[in-house]
Amino acid sequence: MTAPGTAPSSVTIVGGGVIGLMCAHYLGAAGLRVTVLERDRLGSGASRGNAGEVCPDLVEPLAAPGVIGTALRGLHRPDSALAVHPSTSAELLRFLVRFGLRATARHYDRGASALGALAKGTFGLFEELEALGVDGEAHKDGFLFAFPSREYAAKALTAFRRLDAPIAASGLLTGAALAGTEPALTEGARAGFVVDGQWSLDPGLFVDRLAERLRRQGVELIEGARVSAVTDRAGRAEVRTSAGTYRSDAVVVAAGIWSRQLVRGLGVDIDLVAGKGYSFSVAAEPPPSRLVHLGAAKVVLTPMGKRVRVAGTMEFERDPDRFRRRRVEAIVAAARPYLRHADWDDLQEEWVGPRPMTPDGLALIGPVPGHSRVLLATGHNMLGLMLAPATGRLVAGLLTGDADPAVSSAFDPKRRVRRYPWRVHGIQPVKRRVQ
């Protein structure tokens, strides 16, 4: 993106979630002066309450063959992992149609290849961060996938082997072997398998330690700065906020789902919607010894100290911030048959976060078309925490001219962007306060 000798010296990052903070880390390490603007608390949005998965051996786009049929068959159930509300806008319905059109083997294989290339070396990047004091107290002994039947587990195991996932030598576990592997599970889990080497961590702790490191690096972190406009003119980029106006050589828009509203002021629209996830924590004795995927329930159990984070669901609706009690109740109903001695009457740390979803399952990383000084870093679907270091490194490479074009081309925003016709005629949009 950047020609030799024209690399910026200052960057403003809009969005203080894990993606924006990792961009700040790599840009600061490259010698740039960096300011991060966050509308709320650092790590708000989708960054803190997720399941904490770091599993580059398992990356794949959500739009996989068969996913639409499976989702539709369970949509009528109150405990379904997918919720699409009747008030859903026509815009969201069009997105879901485009998502369905990409749930083919050809699109899936292409997306999985691109995600694998971006995620390559992820464990090494997290280890480098740990050496700097940035960690989330990771568990590194793999994930257990548990199912209510041997047949269900065997089908999933075959799919993971096609992904070339590092399946443990123990293979398919049933009965006493499964119970011995994970005593925290009830007899409702009848079969499963372990995928070796994958990590889980506390994402909130990771964000806090990353922010501490950035402050020591000299990065300016500003909370409570709501952005009203991003502009790009006269050789400089400008961000207007409730905390003042910030000018720099370049801007990185890493504001999750709110990125869409922000770049509309530049005359473009990006194909991005919110797929909301929920989580909460419960006490359990004993807690699981490692992260557990409840395959049929579509729920993840992540041990965090003496408590267990229970995360799941995909909810599509108009309001990205609205918390719906019914979705938490659905997760409880789905997980209750599997986790032994959990205190389901004492849910704590209840959370909802809007994941920024794209129809093809690939993030939008690169310059906004027509605005070389403004980059996007959003649309990571359900992979934001895991892909944050790789994204930060790629963004830094794009701004300094060191990015690998073979990797960056698959995530170029131009594939999911359309220009507004009114921009051609010089008509400006009404700007909204969104970030």
Protein backbone atom coordinates (compact mmCIF):
# COMPACT_ATOMS: atom_id res chain seq x y z
CA MET A 1 0.00 0.00 0.00
CA THR A 2 2.74 2.46 0.94
CA ALA A 3 5.37 3.52 -1.55
CA PRO A 4 9.01 3.63 -0.40
CA GLY A 5 9.74 6.74 1.60
CA THR A 6 6.09 7.62 2.19
CA ALA A 7 5.36 5.63 5.32
CA PRO A 8 3.36 7.61 7.90
CA SER A 9 4.89 8.79 11.15
CA SER A 10 1.61 9.10 13.10
CA VAL A 11 -1.53 6.96 13.24
CA THR A 12 -4.89 7.36 14.97
CA ILE A 13 -6.71 4.13 15.75
CA VAL A 14 -10.48 4.29 16.16
CA GLY A 15 -11.51 1.47 18.47
CA GLY A 16 -9.85 0.20 21.64
CA GLY A 17 -10.88 -3.44 21.43
CA VAL A 18 -8.36 -6.22 21.07
CA ILE A 19 -7.95 -5.61 17.31
CA GLY A 20 -7.28 -1.89 17.72
CA LEU A 21 -4.91 -2.47 20.63
CA MET A 22 -2.91 -5.09 18.74
CA CYS A 23 -2.65 -2.71 15.77
CA ALA A 24 -1.31 -0.10 18.21
CA HIS A 25 1.25 -2.56 19.53
CA TYR A 26 2.75 -3.38 16.14
CA LEU A 27 2.55 0.17 14.82
CA GLY A 28 4.23 1.47 17.96
CA ALA A 29 6.92 -1.18 17.64
CA ALA A 30 7.49 0.03 14.06
CA GLY A 31 8.30 3.50 15.41
CA LEU A 32 5.04 5.30 14.66
CA ARG A 33 3.35 7.71 17.04
CA VAL A 34 0.03 6.08 17.93
CA THR A 35 -3.20 7.33 19.51
CA VAL A 36 -6.09 4.98 20.29
CA LEU A 37 -9.62 6.39 20.64
CA GLU A 38 -12.23 4.25 22.40
CA ARG A 39 -15.85 5.30 22.80
CA ASP A 40 -16.27 3.43 26.10
CA ARG A 41 -13.87 1.29 28.14
CA LEU A 42 -10.88 -0.37 26.49
CA GLY A 43 -11.93 -3.84 25.42
CA SER A 44 -15.65 -3.10 25.39
CA GLY A 45 -17.69 -4.49 22.52
CA ALA A 46 -16.79 -8.06 21.62
CA SER A 47 -13.33 -8.23 23.21
CA ARG A 48 -13.77 -9.11 26.89
CA GLY A 49 -16.59 -11.62 27.26
CA ASN A 50 -15.74 -14.17 24.58
CA ALA A 51 -14.65 -17.76 25.17
CA GLY A 52 -10.93 -16.91 24.93
CA GLU A 53 -10.07 -19.39 22.18
CA VAL A 54 -6.69 -19.36 20.42
CA CYS A 55 -6.90 -22.24 17.97
CA PRO A 56 -5.18 -21.49 14.65
CA ASP A 57 -5.29 -25.19 13.73
CA LEU A 58 -9.09 -25.01 13.63
CA VAL A 59 -9.79 -21.78 11.74
CA GLU A 60 -12.57 -21.97 9.19
CA PRO A 61 -15.28 -19.65 7.87
CA LEU A 62 -18.68 -19.90 9.52
CA ALA A 63 -20.38 -20.28 6.13
CA ALA A 64 -19.65 -23.98 5.68
CA PRO A 65 -21.58 -26.50 3.55
CA GLY A 66 -24.67 -27.64 5.44
CA VAL A 67 -24.61 -24.88 8.04
CA ILE A 68 -27.79 -23.21 6.74
CA GLY A 69 -29.88 -26.39 6.92
CA THR A 70 -28.65 -27.19 10.42
CA ALA A 71 -29.40 -23.67 11.64
CA LEU A 72 -32.87 -23.55 10.10
CA ARG A 73 -33.88 -26.91 11.59
CA GLY A 74 -33.24 -25.58 15.09
CA LEU A 75 -34.46 -22.03 14.59
CA HIS A 76 -37.94 -22.68 16.03
CA ARG A 77 -36.56 -23.95 19.34
CA PRO A 78 -36.24 -21.44 22.22
CA ASP A 79 -32.84 -22.92 23.12
CA SER A 80 -31.53 -22.75 19.56
CA ALA A 81 -27.95 -21.52 19.17
CA LEU A 82 -29.15 -19.21 16.36
CA ALA A 83 -31.69 -16.43 16.86
CA VAL A 84 -32.99 -14.19 14.06
CA HIS A 85 -35.56 -11.74 15.40
CA PRO A 86 -38.78 -10.84 13.55
CA SER A 87 -37.77 -7.17 13.63
CA THR A 88 -34.69 -7.95 11.54
CA SER A 89 -34.11 -5.31 8.87
CA ALA A 90 -34.21 -5.94 5.12
CA GLU A 91 -30.50 -5.08 5.12
CA LEU A 92 -29.75 -7.92 7.54
CA LEU A 93 -31.92 -10.34 5.58
CA ARG A 94 -29.95 -9.51 2.43
CA PHE A 95 -26.76 -10.20 4.39
CA LEU A 96 -28.07 -13.62 5.46
CA VAL A 97 -28.87 -14.44 1.83
CA ARG A 98 -25.32 -13.54 0.81
CA PHE A 99 -24.02 -15.64 3.69
CA GLY A 100 -26.06 -18.60 2.48
CA LEU A 101 -24.76 -18.24 -1.07
CA ARG A 102 -21.21 -18.62 0.28
CA ALA A 103 -21.94 -21.78 2.24
CA THR A 104 -20.52 -23.92 -0.57
CA ALA A 105 -17.49 -26.20 -0.67
CA ARG A 106 -15.66 -23.92 -3.09
CA HIS A 107 -16.13 -20.74 -1.03
CA TYR A 108 -15.45 -22.62 2.20
CA ASP A 109 -12.15 -24.08 0.98
CA ARG A 110 -10.99 -20.70 -0.29
CA GLY A 111 -11.90 -19.00 3.00
CA ALA A 112 -10.28 -21.67 5.14
CA SER A 113 -7.07 -21.35 3.13
CA ALA A 114 -7.01 -17.56 3.55
CA LEU A 115 -7.70 -17.75 7.29
CA GLY A 116 -5.01 -20.40 7.70
CA ALA A 117 -2.48 -18.16 5.96
CA LEU A 118 -3.34 -15.20 8.22
CA ALA A 119 -3.27 -17.37 11.36
CA LYS A 120 0.07 -18.98 10.51
CA GLY A 121 2.55 -18.42 13.34
CA THR A 122 -0.17 -17.31 15.78
CA PHE A 123 1.16 -19.29 18.73
CA GLY A 124 4.57 -17.70 18.20
CA LEU A 125 3.02 -14.22 18.20
CA PHE A 126 1.23 -14.92 21.49
CA GLU A 127 4.44 -16.30 22.98
CA GLU A 128 6.25 -13.10 22.00
CA LEU A 129 3.53 -11.13 23.78
CA GLU A 130 3.82 -13.33 26.87
CA ALA A 131 7.54 -12.55 26.99
CA LEU A 132 6.56 -8.86 27.13
CA GLY A 133 4.17 -9.46 30.02
CA VAL A 134 1.04 -9.51 27.84
CA ASP A 135 -0.84 -12.70 28.59
CA GLY A 136 -4.21 -13.99 29.70
CA GLU A 137 -2.91 -16.89 31.83
CA ALA A 138 -3.40 -19.33 28.99
CA HIS A 139 -4.27 -23.00 29.26
CA LYS A 140 -2.23 -24.73 26.55
CA ASP A 141 -3.30 -28.36 26.79
CA GLY A 142 -5.81 -28.46 23.94
CA PHE A 143 -9.60 -28.52 23.63
CA LEU A 144 -12.03 -31.32 24.39
CA PHE A 145 -14.98 -31.69 22.01
CA ALA A 146 -17.85 -33.53 23.71
CA PHE A 147 -21.07 -34.88 22.17
CA PRO A 148 -24.25 -36.67 23.28
CA SER A 149 -23.64 -39.68 21.01
CA ARG A 150 -20.82 -41.67 19.46
CA GLU A 151 -22.23 -41.07 15.97
CA TYR A 152 -22.27 -37.29 16.43
CA ALA A 153 -18.70 -37.31 17.75
CA ALA A 154 -17.41 -39.58 14.95
CA LYS A 155 -18.87 -37.27 12.30
CA ALA A 156 -17.20 -34.23 13.89
CA LEU A 157 -13.92 -36.10 14.23
CA THR A 158 -13.94 -36.89 10.50
CA ALA A 159 -14.51 -33.21 9.70
CA PHE A 160 -11.61 -32.13 11.92
CA ARG A 161 -9.32 -34.67 10.31
CA ARG A 162 -10.17 -33.12 6.93
CA LEU A 163 -8.98 -29.81 8.43
CA ASP A 164 -5.73 -31.61 9.37
CA ALA A 165 -6.35 -30.71 13.01
CA PRO A 166 -3.90 -32.21 15.56
CA ILE A 167 -6.20 -34.89 17.01
CA ALA A 168 -4.84 -36.53 20.16
CA ALA A 169 -3.54 -40.09 19.80
CA SER A 170 -6.35 -41.30 22.06
CA GLY A 171 -8.78 -40.69 19.18
CA LEU A 172 -12.48 -41.15 19.85
CA LEU A 173 -13.23 -41.29 23.59
CA THR A 174 -16.32 -42.94 25.09
CA GLY A 175 -17.54 -44.09 28.47
CA ALA A 176 -14.89 -44.34 31.18
CA ALA A 177 -12.16 -42.99 28.88
CA LEU A 178 -14.11 -39.76 28.31
CA ALA A 179 -15.03 -39.47 32.00
CA GLY A 180 -11.40 -39.95 32.97
CA THR A 181 -10.29 -37.28 30.50
CA GLU A 182 -12.78 -34.75 31.88
CA PRO A 183 -14.41 -35.56 35.26
CA ALA A 184 -16.29 -32.24 35.24
CA LEU A 185 -18.68 -33.55 32.57
CA THR A 186 -21.81 -35.56 33.31
CA GLU A 187 -22.97 -38.75 31.61
CA GLY A 188 -24.75 -36.50 29.10
CA ALA A 189 -21.42 -36.35 27.27
CA ARG A 190 -21.14 -39.84 25.79
CA ALA A 191 -18.33 -39.40 23.27
CA GLY A 192 -15.65 -36.93 22.29
CA PHE A 193 -12.05 -36.29 21.35
CA VAL A 194 -9.19 -33.94 22.20
CA VAL A 195 -7.54 -31.55 19.75
CA ASP A 196 -4.01 -31.06 21.03
CA GLY A 197 -2.05 -27.85 21.39
CA GLN A 198 -4.83 -25.26 21.27
CA TRP A 199 -4.95 -22.47 23.88
CA SER A 200 -7.61 -20.75 25.90
CA LEU A 201 -7.08 -17.57 27.90
CA ASP A 202 -8.90 -14.89 29.86
CA PRO A 203 -9.59 -12.21 27.21
CA GLY A 204 -10.33 -9.46 29.73
CA LEU A 205 -7.03 -10.04 31.50
CA PHE A 206 -5.25 -10.14 28.14
CA VAL A 207 -6.74 -6.77 27.14
CA ASP A 208 -5.80 -5.17 30.47
CA ARG A 209 -2.18 -6.35 30.28
CA LEU A 210 -1.93 -5.33 26.66
CA ALA A 211 -3.15 -1.83 27.56
CA GLU A 212 -0.54 -1.63 30.34
CA ARG A 213 2.18 -2.57 27.87
CA LEU A 214 0.99 0.01 25.33
CA ARG A 215 1.09 2.78 27.90
CA ARG A 216 4.69 1.81 28.70
CA GLN A 217 5.43 1.94 24.96
CA GLY A 218 4.18 5.52 24.86
CA VAL A 219 0.90 4.84 23.05
CA GLU A 220 -1.80 7.34 23.95
CA LEU A 221 -4.99 5.53 25.02
CA ILE A 222 -8.10 7.70 25.28
CA GLU A 223 -11.35 6.26 26.67
CA GLY A 224 -14.76 7.90 26.39
CA ALA A 225 -13.95 9.49 23.02
CA ARG A 226 -17.01 9.08 20.78
CA VAL A 227 -16.17 9.61 17.13
CA SER A 228 -18.49 11.72 14.99
CA ALA A 229 -16.50 11.75 11.73
CA VAL A 230 -13.42 10.41 9.96
CA THR A 231 -12.13 12.53 7.08
CA ASP A 232 -9.29 12.21 4.60
CA ARG A 233 -8.24 15.31 2.72
CA ALA A 234 -5.31 17.60 2.00
CA GLY A 235 -2.73 14.94 2.75
CA ARG A 236 -3.90 14.35 6.33
CA ALA A 237 -6.50 12.21 8.06
CA GLU A 238 -8.71 13.67 10.75
CA VAL A 239 -10.91 12.13 13.44
CA ARG A 240 -13.47 14.31 15.19
CA THR A 241 -14.60 13.10 18.61
CA SER A 242 -16.36 14.16 21.78
CA ALA A 243 -12.86 14.52 23.30
CA GLY A 244 -11.49 16.74 20.54
CA THR A 245 -10.13 16.49 17.00
CA TYR A 246 -7.14 14.27 16.20
CA ARG A 247 -5.01 14.68 13.09
CA SER A 248 -2.46 12.16 11.84
CA ASP A 249 -0.88 10.77 8.72
CA ALA A 250 -3.17 7.73 8.74
CA VAL A 251 -6.22 6.33 10.49
CA VAL A 252 -7.05 2.71 11.29
CA VAL A 253 -10.76 2.07 11.81
CA ALA A 254 -10.94 -0.94 14.14
CA ALA A 255 -14.29 -0.20 15.71
CA GLY A 256 -15.94 -3.59 15.25
CA ILE A 257 -19.53 -3.40 14.04
CA TRP A 258 -19.50 0.41 14.40
CA SER A 259 -16.85 0.64 11.68
CA ARG A 260 -19.62 0.51 9.09
CA GLN A 261 -21.19 3.79 10.21
CA LEU A 262 -17.81 5.49 10.49
CA VAL A 263 -16.68 4.82 6.92
CA ARG A 264 -20.04 5.83 5.45
CA GLY A 265 -18.84 9.37 5.91
CA LEU A 266 -16.10 8.55 3.38
CA GLY A 267 -18.68 7.52 0.81
CA VAL A 268 -18.45 3.76 1.16
CA ASP A 269 -20.60 1.03 2.67
CA ILE A 270 -19.10 -2.21 3.97
CA ASP A 271 -20.90 -5.54 4.17
CA LEU A 272 -20.92 -5.98 7.93
CA VAL A 273 -23.59 -6.93 10.49
CA ALA A 274 -23.61 -7.75 14.20
CA GLY A 275 -23.84 -11.40 15.23
CA LYS A 276 -24.26 -11.10 18.97
CA GLY A 277 -22.71 -13.59 21.37
CA TYR A 278 -23.50 -14.03 25.06
CA SER A 279 -21.57 -15.34 28.05
CA PHE A 280 -21.67 -15.58 31.81
CA SER A 281 -19.72 -17.40 34.51
CA VAL A 282 -20.71 -20.06 37.02
CA ALA A 283 -18.99 -21.78 39.90
CA ALA A 284 -18.34 -25.48 39.30
CA GLU A 285 -16.56 -28.08 41.42
CA PRO A 286 -14.53 -29.39 39.80
CA PRO A 287 -14.23 -26.95 36.89
CA PRO A 288 -13.17 -28.41 33.53
CA SER A 289 -9.44 -28.97 33.24
CA ARG A 290 -9.39 -27.43 29.75
CA LEU A 291 -11.69 -25.65 27.32
CA VAL A 292 -14.64 -27.84 26.36
CA HIS A 293 -16.76 -27.51 23.23
CA LEU A 294 -20.24 -28.96 23.71
CA GLY A 295 -20.78 -29.83 20.07
CA ALA A 296 -24.52 -30.44 19.99
CA ALA A 297 -25.29 -27.58 22.40
CA LYS A 298 -23.08 -25.09 20.50
CA VAL A 299 -21.72 -23.89 23.86
CA VAL A 300 -18.13 -23.41 25.01
CA LEU A 301 -16.97 -23.95 28.61
CA THR A 302 -13.75 -22.10 29.45
CA PRO A 303 -12.08 -22.58 32.87
CA MET A 304 -11.04 -19.27 34.41
CA GLY A 305 -9.82 -19.87 37.93
CA LYS A 306 -12.50 -21.56 40.03
CA ARG A 307 -15.26 -20.34 37.75
CA VAL A 308 -16.28 -21.40 34.27
CA ARG A 309 -17.13 -19.00 31.48
CA VAL A 310 -20.11 -20.34 29.54
CA ALA A 311 -20.38 -18.80 26.07
CA GLY A 312 -22.52 -19.33 23.03
CA THR A 313 -25.35 -18.31 20.70
CA MET A 314 -25.51 -16.25 17.51
CA GLU A 315 -28.17 -13.56 17.55
CA PHE A 316 -29.07 -11.32 14.63
CA GLU A 317 -31.20 -8.23 15.27
CA ARG A 318 -31.21 -4.46 14.75
CA ASP A 319 -29.71 -3.35 18.10
CA PRO A 320 -26.08 -4.49 18.59
CA ASP A 321 -26.05 -3.57 22.29
CA ARG A 322 -29.37 -4.95 23.50
CA PHE A 323 -29.12 -7.66 26.16
CA ARG A 324 -31.84 -10.31 25.99
CA ARG A 325 -32.35 -12.47 29.06
CA ARG A 326 -33.86 -15.22 26.93
CA ARG A 327 -30.56 -15.86 25.15
CA VAL A 328 -28.78 -16.47 28.48
CA GLU A 329 -31.57 -18.83 29.50
CA ALA A 330 -31.10 -20.69 26.21
CA ILE A 331 -27.39 -21.18 26.90
CA VAL A 332 -28.16 -22.45 30.43
CA ALA A 333 -30.70 -24.93 29.03
CA ALA A 334 -28.19 -26.17 26.46
CA ALA A 335 -25.23 -26.52 28.84
CA ARG A 336 -26.96 -27.76 32.01
CA PRO A 337 -27.09 -31.45 30.96
CA TYR A 338 -23.31 -31.59 30.53
CA LEU A 339 -21.53 -29.72 33.36
CA ARG A 340 -21.39 -31.47 36.72
CA HIS A 341 -21.98 -29.58 40.00
CA ALA A 342 -22.41 -26.15 38.38
CA ASP A 343 -24.32 -23.50 40.31
CA TRP A 344 -26.81 -22.52 37.60
CA ASP A 345 -28.77 -20.36 40.07
CA ASP A 346 -25.86 -17.94 40.50
CA LEU A 347 -24.90 -16.56 37.09
CA GLN A 348 -22.28 -13.83 37.20
CA GLU A 349 -20.45 -11.60 34.69
CA GLU A 350 -23.34 -11.72 32.23
CA TRP A 351 -22.24 -10.19 28.93
CA VAL A 352 -23.32 -9.58 25.35
CA GLY A 353 -20.95 -8.59 22.56
CA PRO A 354 -21.64 -7.77 18.89
CA ARG A 355 -19.28 -9.78 16.69
CA PRO A 356 -18.65 -8.02 13.34
CA MET A 357 -19.75 -10.59 10.75
CA THR A 358 -18.98 -10.71 7.01
CA PRO A 359 -20.80 -12.98 4.52
CA ASP A 360 -17.63 -14.80 3.48
CA GLY A 361 -16.23 -15.16 7.02
CA LEU A 362 -13.09 -13.14 6.24
CA ALA A 363 -12.04 -9.94 7.97
CA LEU A 364 -11.73 -6.57 6.23
CA ILE A 365 -8.09 -5.50 6.56
CA GLY A 366 -6.67 -2.81 4.31
CA PRO A 367 -7.30 0.64 2.84
CA VAL A 368 -10.79 2.00 2.34
CA PRO A 369 -11.24 2.26 -1.46
CA GLY A 370 -10.44 5.78 -2.57
CA HIS A 371 -8.86 6.68 0.79
CA SER A 372 -5.33 5.32 1.07
CA ARG A 373 -4.76 7.02 4.44
CA VAL A 374 -7.71 5.25 6.09
CA LEU A 375 -7.46 1.51 6.78
CA LEU A 376 -10.07 -0.91 8.01
CA ALA A 377 -9.33 -3.66 10.53
CA THR A 378 -12.68 -5.24 11.35
CA GLY A 379 -15.03 -8.05 10.37
CA HIS A 380 -13.25 -10.84 12.23
CA ASN A 381 -16.49 -12.73 12.85
CA MET A 382 -15.87 -15.09 15.83
CA LEU A 383 -12.07 -15.08 15.50
CA GLY A 384 -11.11 -11.61 16.73
CA LEU A 385 -9.04 -12.54 19.78
CA MET A 386 -7.10 -15.26 17.99
CA LEU A 387 -6.43 -13.20 14.85
CA ALA A 388 -5.68 -9.93 16.67
CA PRO A 389 -1.85 -10.27 16.72
CA ALA A 390 -1.74 -11.37 13.07
CA THR A 391 -4.05 -8.50 12.13
CA GLY A 392 -1.93 -5.95 13.99
CA ARG A 393 1.18 -7.21 12.24
CA LEU A 394 -0.55 -7.08 8.85
CA VAL A 395 -1.84 -3.52 9.40
CA ALA A 396 1.63 -2.38 10.40
CA GLY A 397 3.00 -4.03 7.28
CA LEU A 398 0.44 -2.32 5.07
CA LEU A 399 1.37 1.11 6.46
CA THR A 400 5.14 0.56 6.32
CA GLY A 401 5.21 -1.32 3.01
CA ASP A 402 6.25 -4.67 4.50
CA ALA A 403 2.97 -6.61 4.19
CA ASP A 404 2.87 -9.95 2.42
CA PRO A 405 0.63 -9.34 -0.63
CA ALA A 406 -0.29 -13.03 -0.82
CA VAL A 407 -1.91 -12.72 2.63
CA SER A 408 -3.29 -9.18 2.44
CA SER A 409 -5.08 -9.62 -0.90
CA ALA A 410 -7.59 -12.12 0.54
CA PHE A 411 -8.68 -9.61 3.20
CA ASP A 412 -8.73 -6.46 1.05
CA PRO A 413 -11.92 -4.52 1.95
CA LYS A 414 -12.66 -3.74 -1.69
CA ARG A 415 -14.27 -7.17 -2.08
CA ARG A 416 -17.04 -6.22 0.40
CA VAL A 417 -17.34 -2.47 -0.22
CA ARG A 418 -19.59 -0.43 -2.46
CA ARG A 419 -19.25 3.27 -3.21
CA TYR A 420 -22.21 5.55 -2.58
CA PRO A 421 -23.53 7.15 -5.80
CA TRP A 422 -24.04 10.46 -4.02
CA ARG A 423 -20.31 10.67 -3.39
CA VAL A 424 -19.69 11.09 -7.09
CA HIS A 425 -21.91 14.18 -7.12
CA GLY A 426 -20.30 15.71 -4.03
CA ILE A 427 -23.28 15.15 -1.73
CA GLN A 428 -22.23 14.54 1.86
CA PRO A 429 -24.03 12.14 4.23
CA VAL A 430 -25.48 13.13 7.56
CA LYS A 431 -22.87 12.08 10.09
CA ARG A 432 -23.93 10.17 13.19
CA ARG A 433 -22.21 9.73 16.52
CA VAL A 434 -21.48 6.04 16.54
CA GLN A 435 -18.07 5.25 18.09
